[in-house]
Each structure stands twice: as structure tokens, then as C-alpha cells.
C-alpha atoms as a PDB file:
ATOM      1  CA  MET A   1      49.298 187.566 151.063  1.00  0.00           C
ATOM      2  CA  SER A   2      49.912 185.363 154.080  1.00  0.00           C
ATOM      3  CA  TYR A   3      47.822 183.061 156.223  1.00  0.00           C
ATOM      4  CA  ASP A   4      48.016 181.979 159.858  1.00  0.00           C
ATOM      5  CA  PRO A   5      47.063 178.353 160.614  1.00  0.00           C
ATOM      6  CA  ARG A   6      45.326 179.590 163.758  1.00  0.00           C
ATOM      7  CA  LEU A   7      42.676 181.076 161.484  1.00  0.00           C
ATOM      8  CA  LEU A   8      41.757 177.583 160.278  1.00  0.00           C
ATOM      9  CA  GLU A   9      41.162 176.587 163.902  1.00  0.00           C
ATOM     10  CA  LEU A  10      39.189 179.773 164.507  1.00  0.00           C
ATOM     11  CA  TYR A  11      36.846 179.336 161.549  1.00  0.00           C
ATOM     12  CA  ALA A  12      36.238 175.603 162.023  1.00  0.00           C
ATOM     13  CA  PRO A  13      33.422 175.783 164.636  1.00  0.00           C
ATOM     14  CA  TRP A  14      31.789 178.757 162.912  1.00  0.00           C
ATOM     15  CA  ARG A  15      31.202 176.720 159.761  1.00  0.00           C
ATOM     16  CA  THR A  16      28.374 174.938 161.588  1.00  0.00           C
ATOM     17  CA  CYS A  17      27.289 177.853 163.815  1.00  0.00           C
ATOM     18  CA  ARG A  18      23.537 178.144 164.529  1.00  0.00           C
ATOM     19  CA  ALA A  19      23.707 181.223 166.781  1.00  0.00           C
ATOM     20  CA  CYS A  20      21.662 183.519 164.519  1.00  0.00           C
ATOM     21  CA  ARG A  21      19.203 183.401 161.636  1.00  0.00           C
ATOM     22  CA  LEU A  22      21.892 183.880 158.996  1.00  0.00           C
ATOM     23  CA  CYS A  23      22.936 180.240 159.222  1.00  0.00           C
ATOM     24  CA  ASP A  24      19.922 179.485 157.020  1.00  0.00           C
ATOM     25  CA  PHE A  25      21.567 181.427 154.180  1.00  0.00           C
ATOM     26  CA  ARG A  26      25.037 179.949 154.588  1.00  0.00           C
ATOM     27  CA  VAL A  27      26.445 177.812 151.807  1.00  0.00           C
ATOM     28  CA  ARG A  28      30.005 178.296 152.965  1.00  0.00           C
ATOM     29  CA  LEU A  29      31.490 180.530 155.657  1.00  0.00           C
ATOM     30  CA  ILE A  30      32.739 183.801 154.166  1.00  0.00           C
ATOM     31  CA  GLU A  31      36.161 184.190 155.734  1.00  0.00           C
ATOM     32  CA  GLY A  32      38.564 187.082 155.935  1.00  0.00           C
ATOM     33  CA  PHE A  33      41.650 187.143 153.760  1.00  0.00           C
ATOM     34  CA  GLY A  34      44.817 189.114 153.172  1.00  0.00           C
ATOM     35  CA  HIS A  35      48.034 189.409 155.174  1.00  0.00           C
ATOM     36  CA  ALA A  36      47.712 187.684 158.530  1.00  0.00           C
ATOM     37  CA  ARG A  37      50.083 190.157 160.229  1.00  0.00           C
ATOM     38  CA  ALA A  38      48.533 193.260 158.712  1.00  0.00           C
ATOM     39  CA  PRO A  39      48.940 196.641 160.428  1.00  0.00           C
ATOM     40  CA  VAL A  40      45.392 197.558 159.333  1.00  0.00           C
ATOM     41  CA  MET A  41      42.268 195.376 159.356  1.00  0.00           C
ATOM     42  CA  PHE A  42      39.351 196.507 157.197  1.00  0.00           C
ATOM     43  CA  VAL A  43      35.899 195.366 158.361  1.00  0.00           C
ATOM     44  CA  LEU A  44      33.161 195.553 155.709  1.00  0.00           C
ATOM     45  CA  ASP A  45      29.658 196.423 156.846  1.00  0.00           C
ATOM     46  CA  ARG A  46      28.007 194.175 154.260  1.00  0.00           C
ATOM     47  CA  LEU A  47      28.794 191.798 151.419  1.00  0.00           C
ATOM     48  CA  SER A  48      28.107 192.374 147.759  1.00  0.00           C
ATOM     49  CA  VAL A  49      25.795 190.141 145.770  1.00  0.00           C
ATOM     50  CA  ASP A  50      28.868 188.649 144.075  1.00  0.00           C
ATOM     51  CA  ASP A  51      30.439 187.794 147.438  1.00  0.00           C
ATOM     52  CA  THR A  52      27.226 186.117 148.537  1.00  0.00           C
ATOM     53  CA  ALA A  53      26.722 184.213 145.305  1.00  0.00           C
ATOM     54  CA  GLU A  54      30.310 182.944 145.320  1.00  0.00           C
ATOM     55  CA  ALA A  55      30.323 182.401 149.111  1.00  0.00           C
ATOM     56  CA  ARG A  56      33.669 184.128 149.465  1.00  0.00           C
ATOM     57  CA  LEU A  57      35.254 187.544 149.866  1.00  0.00           C
ATOM     58  CA  SER A  58      37.699 188.242 147.044  1.00  0.00           C
ATOM     59  CA  PRO A  59      39.442 191.118 145.237  1.00  0.00           C
ATOM     60  CA  ASP A  60      36.750 190.799 142.566  1.00  0.00           C
ATOM     61  CA  SER A  61      34.155 192.145 145.008  1.00  0.00           C
ATOM     62  CA  PRO A  62      32.964 195.594 143.861  1.00  0.00           C
ATOM     63  CA  TYR A  63      33.116 196.829 147.461  1.00  0.00           C
ATOM     64  CA  LEU A  64      36.583 195.465 148.067  1.00  0.00           C
ATOM     65  CA  ARG A  65      37.845 196.985 144.818  1.00  0.00           C
ATOM     66  CA  ILE A  66      36.883 200.391 146.214  1.00  0.00           C
ATOM     67  CA  ILE A  67      38.914 199.823 149.372  1.00  0.00           C
ATOM     68  CA  TRP A  68      41.837 198.500 147.345  1.00  0.00           C
ATOM     69  CA  SER A  69      41.757 201.633 145.177  1.00  0.00           C
ATOM     70  CA  PHE A  70      42.156 203.801 148.289  1.00  0.00           C
ATOM     71  CA  VAL A  71      45.029 201.665 149.574  1.00  0.00           C
ATOM     72  CA  THR A  72      46.708 201.938 146.180  1.00  0.00           C
ATOM     73  CA  GLU A  73      46.199 205.720 146.185  1.00  0.00           C
ATOM     74  CA  ALA A  74      48.060 205.765 149.504  1.00  0.00           C
ATOM     75  CA  GLY A  75      51.003 204.149 147.703  1.00  0.00           C
ATOM     76  CA  LYS A  76      50.570 200.770 149.398  1.00  0.00           C
ATOM     77  CA  ASN A  77      50.073 197.185 148.251  1.00  0.00           C
ATOM     78  CA  PRO A  78      46.491 196.097 149.034  1.00  0.00           C
ATOM     79  CA  THR A  79      47.625 192.524 149.717  1.00  0.00           C
ATOM     80  CA  ASP A  80      49.549 193.744 152.779  1.00  0.00           C
ATOM     81  CA  TYR A  81      46.299 194.290 154.723  1.00  0.00           C
ATOM     82  CA  TRP A  82      43.503 192.132 156.136  1.00  0.00           C
ATOM     83  CA  TYR A  83      39.859 192.263 155.001  1.00  0.00           C
ATOM     84  CA  THR A  84      36.920 190.622 156.732  1.00  0.00           C
ATOM     85  CA  PRO A  85      33.115 190.872 156.803  1.00  0.00           C
ATOM     86  CA  SER A  86      31.194 192.110 159.836  1.00  0.00           C
ATOM     87  CA  VAL A  87      29.293 188.789 159.795  1.00  0.00           C
ATOM     88  CA  ALA A  88      30.645 185.635 158.194  1.00  0.00           C
ATOM     89  CA  CYS A  89      27.335 184.400 156.777  1.00  0.00           C
ATOM     90  CA  PRO A  90      25.334 186.003 153.927  1.00  0.00           C
ATOM     91  CA  THR A  91      22.305 188.104 154.821  1.00  0.00           C
ATOM     92  CA  LEU A  92      20.379 186.831 151.803  1.00  0.00           C
ATOM     93  CA  ARG A  93      19.936 183.550 149.947  1.00  0.00           C
ATOM     94  CA  ILE A  94      21.037 184.076 146.348  1.00  0.00           C
ATOM     95  CA  SER A  95      19.231 182.307 143.524  1.00  0.00           C
ATOM     96  CA  GLY A  96      19.199 182.943 139.809  1.00  0.00           C
ATOM     97  CA  GLN A  97      16.175 185.188 140.181  1.00  0.00           C
ATOM     98  CA  GLU A  98      17.648 187.224 143.028  1.00  0.00           C
ATOM     99  CA  TYR A  99      21.115 187.629 141.528  1.00  0.00           C
ATOM    100  CA  GLY A 100      20.138 190.925 139.905  1.00  0.00           C
ATOM    101  CA  LEU A 101      19.784 192.656 143.269  1.00  0.00           C
ATOM    102  CA  GLU A 102      22.247 195.516 143.679  1.00  0.00           C
ATOM    103  CA  THR A 103      23.202 194.653 147.216  1.00  0.00           C
ATOM    104  CA  THR A 104      22.441 192.416 150.141  1.00  0.00           C
ATOM    105  CA  PRO A 105      20.760 193.668 153.318  1.00  0.00           C
ATOM    106  CA  LEU A 106      22.785 194.911 156.256  1.00  0.00           C
ATOM    107  CA  PRO A 107      23.097 192.407 159.106  1.00  0.00           C
ATOM    108  CA  GLN A 108      20.885 193.067 162.100  1.00  0.00           C
ATOM    109  CA  ARG A 109      22.103 193.742 165.635  1.00  0.00           C
ATOM    110  CA  GLY A 110      21.475 190.154 166.738  1.00  0.00           C
ATOM    111  CA  ASP A 111      23.465 188.825 163.782  1.00  0.00           C
ATOM    112  CA  MET A 112      26.436 191.036 164.629  1.00  0.00           C
ATOM    113  CA  THR A 113      26.271 190.161 168.335  1.00  0.00           C
ATOM    114  CA  ALA A 114      26.322 186.454 167.513  1.00  0.00           C
ATOM    115  CA  CYS A 115      29.308 186.865 165.180  1.00  0.00           C
ATOM    116  CA  ARG A 116      31.308 189.301 167.329  1.00  0.00           C
ATOM    117  CA  PRO A 117      33.336 186.567 169.113  1.00  0.00           C
ATOM    118  CA  ARG A 118      34.525 185.354 165.696  1.00  0.00           C
ATOM    119  CA  LEU A 119      35.437 188.895 164.664  1.00  0.00           C
ATOM    120  CA  HIS A 120      37.254 189.642 167.925  1.00  0.00           C
ATOM    121  CA  ALA A 121      39.141 186.352 167.724  1.00  0.00           C
ATOM    122  CA  GLU A 122      40.195 187.303 164.198  1.00  0.00           C
ATOM    123  CA  VAL A 123      41.469 190.653 165.509  1.00  0.00           C
ATOM    124  CA  GLY A 124      43.415 188.748 168.161  1.00  0.00           C
ATOM    125  CA  ILE A 125      45.174 186.606 165.562  1.00  0.00           C
ATOM    126  CA  VAL A 126      45.919 189.320 162.998  1.00  0.00           C
ATOM    127  CA  GLU A 127      46.825 191.861 165.717  1.00  0.00           C
ATOM    128  CA  PRO A 128      46.276 195.014 163.638  1.00  0.00           C
ATOM    129  CA  GLU A 129      47.425 198.378 164.913  1.00  0.00           C
ATOM    130  CA  ILE A 130      44.191 199.972 163.623  1.00  0.00           C
ATOM    131  CA  ILE A 131      40.791 198.628 162.603  1.00  0.00           C
ATOM    132  CA  VAL A 132      39.100 200.546 159.772  1.00  0.00           C
ATOM    133  CA  ALA A 133      35.336 200.086 160.023  1.00  0.00           C
ATOM    134  CA  CYS A 134      33.910 200.494 156.525  1.00  0.00           C
ATOM    135  CA  GLY A 135      30.471 201.832 157.403  1.00  0.00           C
ATOM    136  CA  PRO A 136      28.736 202.448 160.742  1.00  0.00           C
ATOM    137  CA  ASN A 137      27.385 198.908 160.854  1.00  0.00           C
ATOM    138  CA  ALA A 138      30.952 197.622 160.691  1.00  0.00           C
ATOM    139  CA  ALA A 139      31.813 199.801 163.696  1.00  0.00           C
ATOM    140  CA  LYS A 140      28.807 198.380 165.568  1.00  0.00           C
ATOM    141  CA  ALA A 141      29.918 194.859 164.689  1.00  0.00           C
ATOM    142  CA  VAL A 142      33.271 195.501 166.374  1.00  0.00           C
ATOM    143  CA  MET A 143      32.058 197.625 169.287  1.00  0.00           C
ATOM    144  CA  GLN A 144      29.282 196.535 171.608  1.00  0.00           C
ATOM    145  CA  THR A 145      28.765 200.117 172.798  1.00  0.00           C
ATOM    146  CA  GLY A 146      30.067 203.551 171.855  1.00  0.00           C
ATOM    147  CA  ALA A 147      30.434 202.991 168.116  1.00  0.00           C
ATOM    148  CA  PRO A 148      31.124 206.250 166.230  1.00  0.00           C
ATOM    149  CA  SER A 149      28.492 207.679 163.888  1.00  0.00           C
ATOM    150  CA  VAL A 150      28.772 209.066 160.371  1.00  0.00           C
ATOM    151  CA  GLN A 151      27.579 212.440 161.644  1.00  0.00           C
ATOM    152  CA  TYR A 152      30.297 212.861 164.274  1.00  0.00           C
ATOM    153  CA  GLY A 153      32.901 210.131 164.010  1.00  0.00           C
ATOM    154  CA  LEU A 154      34.206 209.886 160.444  1.00  0.00           C
ATOM    155  CA  GLY A 155      37.980 209.769 160.246  1.00  0.00           C
ATOM    156  CA  GLY A 156      38.539 209.949 163.998  1.00  0.00           C
ATOM    157  CA  LEU A 157      40.041 207.289 166.221  1.00  0.00           C
ATOM    158  CA  VAL A 158      38.195 205.656 169.112  1.00  0.00           C
ATOM    159  CA  GLU A 159      39.160 202.762 171.343  1.00  0.00           C
ATOM    160  CA  ALA A 160      37.420 199.505 170.508  1.00  0.00           C
ATOM    161  CA  GLN A 161      37.506 197.035 173.383  1.00  0.00           C
ATOM    162  CA  ILE A 162      38.406 193.634 171.940  1.00  0.00           C
ATOM    163  CA  ALA A 163      37.620 190.505 173.948  1.00  0.00           C
ATOM    164  CA  GLY A 164      40.828 188.506 174.352  1.00  0.00           C
ATOM    165  CA  GLU A 165      41.823 185.334 176.126  1.00  0.00           C
ATOM    166  CA  TYR A 166      42.849 187.231 179.262  1.00  0.00           C
ATOM    167  CA  GLY A 167      40.314 190.055 179.146  1.00  0.00           C
ATOM    168  CA  ALA A 168      39.436 193.025 176.971  1.00  0.00           C
ATOM    169  CA  TYR A 169      42.124 195.199 175.426  1.00  0.00           C
ATOM    170  CA  PRO A 170      41.893 198.391 173.316  1.00  0.00           C
ATOM    171  CA  VAL A 171      42.538 198.652 169.585  1.00  0.00           C
ATOM    172  CA  PRO A 172      42.139 201.995 167.777  1.00  0.00           C
ATOM    173  CA  LEU A 173      39.214 202.031 165.346  1.00  0.00           C
ATOM    174  CA  MET A 174      38.515 204.496 162.541  1.00  0.00           C
ATOM    175  CA  LEU A 175      35.109 204.831 160.895  1.00  0.00           C
ATOM    176  CA  VAL A 176      34.988 205.578 157.155  1.00  0.00           C
ATOM    177  CA  ARG A 177      32.147 205.588 154.628  1.00  0.00           C
ATOM    178  CA  SER A 178      30.552 202.308 153.649  1.00  0.00           C
ATOM    179  CA  PRO A 179      31.787 200.970 150.284  1.00  0.00           C
ATOM    180  CA  HIS A 180      28.119 200.501 149.375  1.00  0.00           C
ATOM    181  CA  GLU A 181      27.496 204.232 149.843  1.00  0.00           C
ATOM    182  CA  LEU A 182      30.576 205.086 147.806  1.00  0.00           C
ATOM    183  CA  TYR A 183      29.603 202.573 145.123  1.00  0.00           C
ATOM    184  CA  THR A 184      26.052 203.845 144.709  1.00  0.00           C
ATOM    185  CA  HIS A 185      26.678 207.583 145.250  1.00  0.00           C
ATOM    186  CA  ARG A 186      29.997 208.424 143.620  1.00  0.00           C
ATOM    187  CA  ASP A 187      30.852 211.936 144.736  1.00  0.00           C
ATOM    188  CA  LEU A 188      34.253 212.450 143.115  1.00  0.00           C
ATOM    189  CA  THR A 189      34.418 216.197 143.752  1.00  0.00           C
ATOM    190  CA  GLU A 190      37.219 217.762 145.769  1.00  0.00           C
ATOM    191  CA  GLY A 191      36.216 217.331 149.403  1.00  0.00           C
ATOM    192  CA  GLY A 192      33.469 214.855 148.470  1.00  0.00           C
ATOM    193  CA  THR A 193      32.880 211.460 150.059  1.00  0.00           C
ATOM    194  CA  TRP A 194      35.301 209.607 147.774  1.00  0.00           C
ATOM    195  CA  HIS A 195      38.105 212.123 148.313  1.00  0.00           C
ATOM    196  CA  THR A 196      37.699 212.328 152.094  1.00  0.00           C
ATOM    197  CA  THR A 197      37.478 208.533 152.472  1.00  0.00           C
ATOM    198  CA  SER A 198      40.715 208.181 150.536  1.00  0.00           C
ATOM    199  CA  GLN A 199      42.352 210.674 152.896  1.00  0.00           C
ATOM    200  CA  PHE A 200      41.038 208.887 155.994  1.00  0.00           C
ATOM    201  CA  ILE A 201      42.317 205.497 154.854  1.00  0.00           C
ATOM    202  CA  ALA A 202      45.725 206.951 153.968  1.00  0.00           C
ATOM    203  CA  GLU A 203      45.887 208.480 157.460  1.00  0.00           C
ATOM    204  CA  ALA A 204      44.894 205.180 159.106  1.00  0.00           C
ATOM    205  CA  ILE A 205      47.660 203.390 157.210  1.00  0.00           C
ATOM    206  CA  ARG A 206      50.192 206.071 158.132  1.00  0.00           C
ATOM    207  CA  ILE A 207      49.353 205.905 161.835  1.00  0.00           C
ATOM    208  CA  ALA A 208      49.297 202.098 161.838  1.00  0.00           C
ATOM    209  CA  GLU A 209      52.729 201.941 160.253  1.00  0.00           C
ATOM    210  CA  GLN A 210      54.084 204.396 162.813  1.00  0.00           C
ATOM    211  CA  LEU A 211      52.672 202.273 165.629  1.00  0.00           C
ATOM    212  CA  ARG A 212      54.004 199.090 164.074  1.00  0.00           C
ATOM    213  CA  GLY A 213      57.414 200.654 163.511  1.00  0.00           C
END
């Protein structure tokens, strides 16, 4: 694990952001974590109920454990990569009564648009070689237009235009299945969703390491 002090500066104004409706659910900003010079950045399409209740993204998240299992299967240390949510505020207020919900809702387009500058700034600091969008909503959070679909874009690479200080620049993006889909529909057969997602993530890591090297 490593951390870049520039991330503290990045997150500071977003802790009081009022740009979308999700600020009403925010107890604490849910920040990315991992290795701040990671070759691969994983963007999650939604948060688990545990993430929302604890107001943080951690390895204990059931969705993040799925991603970590794929990274481990690729023979890599999960702490060498960066993980961040598509939006940094919860999409649901968690109370004792609501805690039994299986998942939280996906963020809406307006929520992702409002949070995209934060996400792009995070990409600019971490400087990954490849972004892995975990679910189509994660791809839409990164890309304003042209996001790949599950029907046609799984496992392929597209150019995501990232807004930087001096203009937009391209970063390769790969779409894989949402951890929520994998968590709720565990197809462990050869060639099933779990197997193919593992292969896609291993390929993303391999390409990223080649580019970094």
C-alpha cells in the first residue's frame, strides 16, 4: 500500500460537495485506496451495504474481495493496485432497519457526471496504465460518451478521455463484469462469467505491466 499526499488535497473539497443529491446520504467521503502508483486502477460501479454503513471502501467489502481474488489468481499482490468507487458518496442512507439490504442502488447519470472531475483527478494522480471498469456503470462514470457495453465490449480495450490540467488525454479502459453480478449470480463453470472475468483481469494486469515496463 502507498498513499500520495496530493490525494488528500484532491479529496478535501469533495468532503463538502453539494453537486448532486447523494450529498444527503454522505456521512464521510468514501475514498479510493491502494497503491498510489498502481499500473491498474479498478473502478467499482457501486458500493456494498457494508461499504456504505462503514463509510469506507476496504478489503472487507464483499465486492472488493471478488476483485482481489482475481488479482490473486493472476499471481499478483492485490495491494499493488488502486481501487475507487464510481461516486464517492453512498447512494443510500443506511440505518439499522435498512442494513439487511443486499446491495445499494446504482448511481444515476447525474451523480456520476457530478463526481467525474473527482474520478478523473484521481486517475491523474495515480497515473494507471489501464483502468478496469467493474461494471458498465463504472465505464459510464469514467467516460462521458462511448462507454463499452456488456453485450459488445467485455474484455476489450477502448480509449477513455481523461480530463487533465492541460487538456484531455487517453487512458486504455477495459470493461469487466460488475462484482455485484458476480456476487449474486456465481457462474463458476468453465467459460462462465467468473472464469472469463478472471481471464480479463489477468490480461489487463499483463498489458499494464508491459506498458509500465
